[in-house]
């Protein structure tokens, strides 16, 4: 697992919650 993937997933999840 790469940090970029984690960051992208986190940002995507945050955007979905918004």
PDB file of N, CA and C in Angstrom:
ATOM      1  N   UNK A   1       0.858  -1.194   0.000  1.00  0.00           N
ATOM      2  CA  UNK A   1       0.000   0.000   0.000  1.00  0.00           C
ATOM      3  C   UNK A   1       0.892   1.243   0.000  1.00  0.00           C
ATOM      4  N   UNK A   2       0.586   2.170  -0.913  1.00  0.00           N
ATOM      5  CA  UNK A   2       1.391   3.394  -0.972  1.00  0.00           C
ATOM      6  C   UNK A   2       0.661   4.549  -0.301  1.00  0.00           C
ATOM      7  N   UNK A   3       1.443   5.495   0.197  1.00  0.00           N
ATOM      8  CA  UNK A   3       0.843   6.650   0.877  1.00  0.00           C
ATOM      9  C   UNK A   3      -0.072   7.404  -0.078  1.00  0.00           C
ATOM     10  N   UNK A   4       0.326   7.482  -1.355  1.00  0.00           N
ATOM     11  CA  UNK A   4      -0.502   8.221  -2.324  1.00  0.00           C
ATOM     12  C   UNK A   4      -1.874   7.595  -2.454  1.00  0.00           C
ATOM     13  N   UNK A   5      -1.911   6.273  -2.475  1.00  0.00           N
ATOM     14  CA  UNK A   5      -3.202   5.584  -2.585  1.00  0.00           C
ATOM     15  C   UNK A   5      -4.052   5.872  -1.359  1.00  0.00           C
ATOM     16  N   UNK A   6      -3.435   5.840  -0.190  1.00  0.00           N
ATOM     17  CA  UNK A   6      -4.169   6.104   1.048  1.00  0.00           C
ATOM     18  C   UNK A   6      -4.692   7.530   1.042  1.00  0.00           C
ATOM     19  N   UNK A   7      -3.849   8.479   0.641  1.00  0.00           N
ATOM     20  CA  UNK A   7      -4.257   9.886   0.611  1.00  0.00           C
ATOM     21  C   UNK A   7      -5.396  10.079  -0.379  1.00  0.00           C
ATOM     22  N   UNK A   8      -5.279   9.475  -1.560  1.00  0.00           N
ATOM     23  CA  UNK A   8      -6.322   9.612  -2.574  1.00  0.00           C
ATOM     24  C   UNK A   8      -7.631   9.022  -2.056  1.00  0.00           C
ATOM     25  N   UNK A   9      -7.555   7.857  -1.421  1.00  0.00           N
ATOM     26  CA  UNK A   9      -8.753   7.214  -0.896  1.00  0.00           C
ATOM     27  C   UNK A   9      -9.380   8.069   0.196  1.00  0.00           C
ATOM     28  N   UNK A  10      -8.534   8.633   1.064  1.00  0.00           N
ATOM     29  CA  UNK A  10      -9.032   9.488   2.144  1.00  0.00           C
ATOM     30  C   UNK A  10      -9.716  10.722   1.580  1.00  0.00           C
ATOM     31  N   UNK A  11      -9.074  11.358   0.600  1.00  0.00           N
ATOM     32  CA  UNK A  11      -9.664  12.561  -0.002  1.00  0.00           C
ATOM     33  C   UNK A  11     -10.976  12.224  -0.683  1.00  0.00           C
ATOM     34  N   UNK A  12     -11.010  11.114  -1.402  1.00  0.00           N
ATOM     35  CA  UNK A  12     -12.235  10.714  -2.101  1.00  0.00           C
ATOM     36  C   UNK A  12     -13.356  10.468  -1.089  1.00  0.00           C
ATOM     37  N   UNK A  13     -13.048   9.783  -0.018  1.00  0.00           N
ATOM     38  CA  UNK A  13     -14.053   9.490   1.013  1.00  0.00           C
ATOM     39  C   UNK A  13     -14.553  10.786   1.632  1.00  0.00           C
ATOM     40  N   UNK A  14     -13.630  11.716   1.891  1.00  0.00           N
ATOM     41  CA  UNK A  14     -14.013  12.995   2.490  1.00  0.00           C
ATOM     42  C   UNK A  14     -14.914  13.771   1.540  1.00  0.00           C
ATOM     43  N   UNK A  15     -14.558  13.745   0.247  1.00  0.00           N
ATOM     44  CA  UNK A  15     -15.378  14.469  -0.730  1.00  0.00           C
ATOM     45  C   UNK A  15     -16.770  13.853  -0.800  1.00  0.00           C
ATOM     46  N   UNK A  16     -16.843  12.522  -0.723  1.00  0.00           N
ATOM     47  CA  UNK A  16     -18.144  11.848  -0.782  1.00  0.00           C
ATOM     48  C   UNK A  16     -18.986  12.247   0.434  1.00  0.00           C
ATOM     49  N   UNK A  17     -18.359  12.326   1.604  1.00  0.00           N
ATOM     50  CA  UNK A  17     -19.104  12.705   2.809  1.00  0.00           C
ATOM     51  C   UNK A  17     -19.577  14.149   2.706  1.00  0.00           C
ATOM     52  N   UNK A  18     -18.796  14.982   2.016  1.00  0.00           N
ATOM     53  CA  UNK A  18     -19.214  16.386   1.832  1.00  0.00           C
ATOM     54  C   UNK A  18     -20.368  16.403   0.835  1.00  0.00           C
TER      55      UNK A  18
END
